[in-house]
């Protein structure tokens, strides 16, 4: 039976988290708040649970869900050959609205869909989400709406769309806050060089470039990346080699991302 818990109440929050943990262990779907929008979550290591998640949304295996993690050090357990710049982005923006597409650990027994060997990871900046992830471990989570519909900003909005396909709804109030538009996470493909923004969202490109100056914005090509600008009074002699290296580097093919650029808000 589908149950909604008001997680602004301490008693209901505790009971709701426990019920959600049981539902995840039983390969069922739950709805939880995140710092961006509400998400529908399932056991990332259960092909059956992920299939149920995709079916609830009306989504195919060609649009696999990203995976939410409870802590940064979980990154190495799920991804392999993590570039230093990807770690720097995670350190700067996790927990928060940044999703990183990385090469998945080949030894893991999971099936998120047609990911082409990649996984999209994020650590959300939401206390309820992190508490649940601490109980369940990594969760496959996609926005809590039917594909093509508006992303839910409350659990009650999510229930109108997902109904009985979800076992537990954790209501935590509006996300991000009442009166603001639903904003997805920014997705960065870190499986090729230079990194690319494949969906612009909560983290602006300028902030990403403060950490990784060479990152390509959504739809940008190599020649469009701005050269680093000198501080007042600095010589520009060292800037030319940097700009030339960006322009002359061969453009790598982009692996099909674990969460496509056209995906709805996560």
Protein backbone atom coordinates (compact mmCIF):
# COMPACT_ATOMS: atom_id res chain seq x y z
CA UNK A 1 0.00 0.00 0.00
CA UNK A 2 1.31 3.45 -0.91
CA UNK A 3 2.05 5.66 2.10
CA UNK A 4 3.05 9.32 2.39
CA UNK A 5 5.07 10.56 5.36
CA UNK A 6 5.35 14.19 6.41
CA UNK A 7 9.09 14.40 7.05
CA UNK A 8 8.81 17.86 8.58
CA UNK A 9 7.56 15.94 11.63
CA UNK A 10 10.33 14.13 13.50
CA UNK A 11 8.17 11.10 14.28
CA UNK A 12 6.89 10.70 10.73
CA UNK A 13 10.36 11.33 9.33
CA UNK A 14 11.86 8.47 11.33
CA UNK A 15 9.01 6.14 10.42
CA UNK A 16 9.12 7.22 6.78
CA UNK A 17 12.86 6.65 6.44
CA UNK A 18 12.50 3.18 7.97
CA UNK A 19 9.62 2.31 5.62
CA UNK A 20 11.56 3.67 2.64
CA UNK A 21 14.58 1.56 3.61
CA UNK A 22 12.36 -1.56 3.71
CA UNK A 23 10.80 -0.68 0.38
CA UNK A 24 14.23 -0.30 -1.24
CA UNK A 25 15.33 -3.67 0.17
CA UNK A 26 12.14 -5.19 -1.33
CA UNK A 27 13.04 -3.76 -4.78
CA UNK A 28 10.21 -1.22 -4.71
CA UNK A 29 10.29 2.47 -5.65
CA UNK A 30 10.16 5.44 -3.31
CA UNK A 31 9.94 9.22 -3.77
CA UNK A 32 12.33 11.48 -1.88
CA UNK A 33 13.20 15.18 -1.81
CA UNK A 34 16.54 16.38 -3.13
CA UNK A 35 18.11 19.83 -3.28
CA UNK A 36 16.93 20.28 -6.87
CA UNK A 37 13.54 18.54 -7.34
CA UNK A 38 11.84 15.41 -6.00
CA UNK A 39 13.19 12.11 -7.22
CA UNK A 40 11.91 8.58 -7.67
CA UNK A 41 14.47 6.17 -6.28
CA UNK A 42 15.24 2.45 -6.40
CA UNK A 43 18.03 0.05 -5.51
CA UNK A 44 20.81 0.84 -7.99
CA UNK A 45 22.08 -2.76 -7.79
CA UNK A 46 18.73 -4.41 -8.60
CA UNK A 47 17.89 -4.68 -12.32
CA UNK A 48 14.27 -5.41 -11.34
CA UNK A 49 14.03 -2.27 -9.20
CA UNK A 50 15.60 -0.10 -11.92
CA UNK A 51 13.20 -1.57 -14.48
CA UNK A 52 10.29 -0.66 -12.21
CA UNK A 53 11.65 2.88 -11.85
CA UNK A 54 11.90 3.32 -15.62
CA UNK A 55 8.42 1.86 -16.11
CA UNK A 56 6.95 4.20 -13.48
CA UNK A 57 8.33 7.17 -15.41
CA UNK A 58 7.44 5.80 -18.83
CA UNK A 59 11.10 5.86 -19.79
CA UNK A 60 13.12 3.40 -21.89
CA UNK A 61 16.50 1.80 -21.17
CA UNK A 62 18.01 4.39 -23.54
CA UNK A 63 17.52 7.00 -20.79
CA UNK A 64 19.16 5.39 -17.73
CA UNK A 65 18.89 7.08 -14.33
CA UNK A 66 21.78 8.69 -12.48
CA UNK A 67 22.91 7.35 -9.10
CA UNK A 68 22.82 9.35 -5.87
CA UNK A 69 25.53 8.64 -3.31
CA UNK A 70 25.72 9.52 0.42
CA UNK A 71 29.36 10.65 0.54
CA UNK A 72 32.17 11.69 -1.79
CA UNK A 73 34.35 8.69 -1.00
CA UNK A 74 31.67 6.43 -2.52
CA UNK A 75 32.80 7.76 -5.90
CA UNK A 76 35.69 5.32 -6.24
CA UNK A 77 33.50 2.35 -5.43
CA UNK A 78 31.20 3.08 -8.37
CA UNK A 79 33.51 4.72 -10.93
CA UNK A 80 36.94 3.88 -12.30
CA UNK A 81 39.77 5.95 -13.79
CA UNK A 82 38.36 9.08 -12.14
CA UNK A 83 40.25 12.12 -13.52
CA UNK A 84 41.83 14.52 -11.04
CA UNK A 85 39.69 17.37 -12.43
CA UNK A 86 36.53 15.33 -11.77
CA UNK A 87 37.61 14.89 -8.17
CA UNK A 88 38.20 18.62 -7.94
CA UNK A 89 34.68 19.32 -9.21
CA UNK A 90 33.22 16.86 -6.71
CA UNK A 91 35.15 18.46 -3.86
CA UNK A 92 33.94 21.90 -4.92
CA UNK A 93 30.28 21.18 -5.63
CA UNK A 94 29.27 18.08 -3.64
CA UNK A 95 26.94 17.92 -1.94
CA UNK A 96 25.07 19.96 -4.52
CA UNK A 97 23.55 20.27 -7.97
CA UNK A 98 26.34 18.70 -10.04
CA UNK A 99 26.13 15.30 -11.75
CA UNK A 100 29.37 13.76 -13.05
CA UNK A 101 29.36 11.17 -15.84
CA UNK A 102 32.26 8.77 -15.30
CA UNK A 103 33.38 5.32 -16.39
CA UNK A 104 31.54 2.74 -14.29
CA UNK A 105 33.40 0.14 -12.26
CA UNK A 106 33.28 -2.90 -14.57
CA UNK A 107 33.14 -5.35 -11.65
CA UNK A 108 29.83 -4.03 -10.32
CA UNK A 109 26.77 -6.25 -10.74
CA UNK A 110 24.16 -3.72 -11.83
CA UNK A 111 22.09 -2.78 -14.86
CA UNK A 112 20.96 0.84 -15.06
CA UNK A 113 20.07 0.65 -18.76
CA UNK A 114 22.05 1.37 -21.90
CA UNK A 115 24.84 3.37 -20.26
CA UNK A 116 27.69 2.35 -22.64
CA UNK A 117 29.83 1.62 -19.58
CA UNK A 118 29.29 4.96 -17.86
CA UNK A 119 27.53 6.04 -14.68
CA UNK A 120 26.18 9.47 -13.70
CA UNK A 121 26.88 10.22 -10.02
CA UNK A 122 25.70 12.96 -7.67
CA UNK A 123 25.75 13.68 -3.95
CA UNK A 124 22.62 15.73 -3.16
CA UNK A 125 22.63 18.63 -0.70
CA UNK A 126 19.48 17.55 1.13
CA UNK A 127 19.36 16.23 4.69
CA UNK A 128 16.45 13.82 4.13
CA UNK A 129 18.02 12.42 0.97
CA UNK A 130 21.41 11.98 2.66
CA UNK A 131 19.83 10.30 5.70
CA UNK A 132 18.05 7.84 3.43
CA UNK A 133 21.16 7.19 1.35
CA UNK A 134 23.03 6.51 4.58
CA UNK A 135 20.54 3.73 5.30
CA UNK A 136 20.24 2.28 1.80
CA UNK A 137 23.51 3.00 0.03
CA UNK A 138 23.56 4.30 -3.57
CA UNK A 139 20.18 4.74 -5.22
CA UNK A 140 19.19 5.02 -8.85
CA UNK A 141 17.18 8.26 -8.81
CA UNK A 142 15.38 10.12 -11.56
CA UNK A 143 13.04 13.10 -11.35
CA UNK A 144 9.70 12.14 -9.80
CA UNK A 145 7.46 12.71 -12.79
CA UNK A 146 6.20 10.91 -15.84
CA UNK A 147 8.52 11.50 -18.79
CA UNK A 148 7.51 14.68 -20.60
CA UNK A 149 5.63 16.10 -17.60
CA UNK A 150 6.62 18.83 -15.18
CA UNK A 151 9.15 17.83 -12.51
CA UNK A 152 7.56 17.50 -9.07
CA UNK A 153 8.52 20.02 -6.40
CA UNK A 154 6.60 18.24 -3.61
CA UNK A 155 5.82 14.62 -2.87
CA UNK A 156 2.12 15.32 -3.38
CA UNK A 157 2.84 16.58 -6.91
CA UNK A 158 4.85 13.44 -7.56
CA UNK A 159 2.01 11.24 -6.31
CA UNK A 160 -0.40 12.81 -8.78
CA UNK A 161 1.82 11.51 -11.59
CA UNK A 162 3.30 8.29 -10.20
CA UNK A 163 0.40 7.11 -8.01
CA UNK A 164 0.55 3.48 -6.82
CA UNK A 165 3.76 2.67 -8.71
CA UNK A 166 5.62 4.07 -5.66
CA UNK A 167 5.55 2.40 -2.23
CA UNK A 168 6.66 5.35 -0.07
CA UNK A 169 6.45 9.12 -0.57
CA UNK A 170 8.68 11.21 1.68
CA UNK A 171 7.21 14.71 1.86
CA UNK A 172 9.70 17.38 2.87
CA UNK A 173 8.09 20.53 1.52
CA UNK A 174 8.93 22.45 -1.65
CA UNK A 175 12.19 21.78 -3.46
CA UNK A 176 14.17 23.83 -4.03
CA UNK A 177 11.96 26.43 -2.25
CA UNK A 178 8.38 27.57 -2.77
CA UNK A 179 8.02 30.13 -5.53
CA UNK A 180 11.18 29.14 -7.39
CA UNK A 181 11.32 27.17 -10.61
CA UNK A 182 12.40 23.55 -10.63
CA UNK A 183 16.06 23.48 -11.59
CA UNK A 184 17.88 20.27 -12.55
CA UNK A 185 21.45 19.41 -11.67
CA UNK A 186 24.16 20.42 -14.12
CA UNK A 187 25.52 17.32 -15.88
CA UNK A 188 29.21 17.18 -16.82
CA UNK A 189 30.61 14.41 -19.00
CA UNK A 190 34.02 13.63 -17.49
CA UNK A 191 34.68 10.57 -19.65
CA UNK A 192 36.52 12.52 -22.36
CA UNK A 193 38.93 15.45 -22.57
CA UNK A 194 38.03 18.25 -22.34
CA UNK A 195 35.05 17.78 -20.02
CA UNK A 196 31.69 18.85 -21.42
CA UNK A 197 28.50 20.22 -19.92
CA UNK A 198 25.77 18.05 -21.43
CA UNK A 199 22.96 19.68 -19.47
CA UNK A 200 23.07 23.15 -17.96
CA UNK A 201 21.39 23.38 -14.58
CA UNK A 202 21.99 24.45 -11.00
CA UNK A 203 25.76 25.00 -11.27
CA UNK A 204 26.66 27.76 -13.71
CA UNK A 205 29.39 27.25 -16.31
CA UNK A 206 31.42 30.15 -14.91
CA UNK A 207 31.60 28.43 -11.52
CA UNK A 208 32.69 25.15 -13.13
CA UNK A 209 35.44 26.98 -15.01
CA UNK A 210 36.78 28.38 -11.76
CA UNK A 211 37.76 24.77 -11.00
CA UNK A 212 38.33 23.37 -14.52
CA UNK A 213 38.98 26.28 -16.95
CA UNK A 214 39.00 24.04 -20.05
CA UNK A 215 35.48 22.67 -19.57
CA UNK A 216 33.20 23.05 -22.59
CA UNK A 217 29.78 24.60 -22.12
CA UNK A 218 26.65 22.99 -23.50
CA UNK A 219 26.90 22.97 -27.30
CA UNK A 220 30.37 24.56 -27.36
CA UNK A 221 33.26 23.35 -29.50
CA UNK A 222 36.94 23.46 -28.65
CA UNK A 223 37.63 26.70 -30.51
CA UNK A 224 34.94 28.50 -28.50
CA UNK A 225 36.53 27.97 -25.08
CA UNK A 226 37.68 31.36 -23.76
CA UNK A 227 41.37 31.71 -22.97
CA UNK A 228 42.21 32.42 -19.31
CA UNK A 229 42.26 36.15 -18.62
CA UNK A 230 45.24 37.67 -16.76
CA UNK A 231 44.81 39.58 -13.55
CA UNK A 232 45.45 43.34 -13.82
CA UNK A 233 49.17 44.01 -14.13
CA UNK A 234 50.03 40.42 -15.08
CA UNK A 235 51.89 39.60 -18.27
CA UNK A 236 50.01 37.73 -20.95
CA UNK A 237 53.04 35.80 -22.14
CA UNK A 238 51.93 32.54 -20.49
CA UNK A 239 48.40 32.76 -21.85
CA UNK A 240 49.19 32.06 -25.49
CA UNK A 241 50.39 28.47 -25.01
CA UNK A 242 47.29 27.71 -22.93
CA UNK A 243 44.92 29.00 -25.60
CA UNK A 244 46.85 27.25 -28.36
CA UNK A 245 46.77 23.94 -26.52
CA UNK A 246 43.00 24.18 -26.18
CA UNK A 247 42.54 25.01 -29.84
CA UNK A 248 44.93 22.36 -31.14
CA UNK A 249 43.93 19.42 -28.93
CA UNK A 250 42.15 16.68 -30.92
CA UNK A 251 38.45 16.57 -30.10
CA UNK A 252 37.65 13.27 -28.39
CA UNK A 253 34.46 11.39 -29.10
CA UNK A 254 31.85 11.70 -26.36
CA UNK A 255 30.72 8.47 -24.79
CA UNK A 256 26.95 8.17 -24.61
CA UNK A 257 26.28 9.66 -21.16
CA UNK A 258 24.61 7.78 -18.35
CA UNK A 259 22.09 10.63 -18.08
CA UNK A 260 21.47 12.19 -21.52
CA UNK A 261 21.50 15.92 -22.10
CA UNK A 262 17.81 15.87 -22.93
CA UNK A 263 16.91 14.17 -19.66
CA UNK A 264 14.32 15.81 -17.43
CA UNK A 265 15.42 17.44 -14.17
CA UNK A 266 17.10 15.09 -11.69
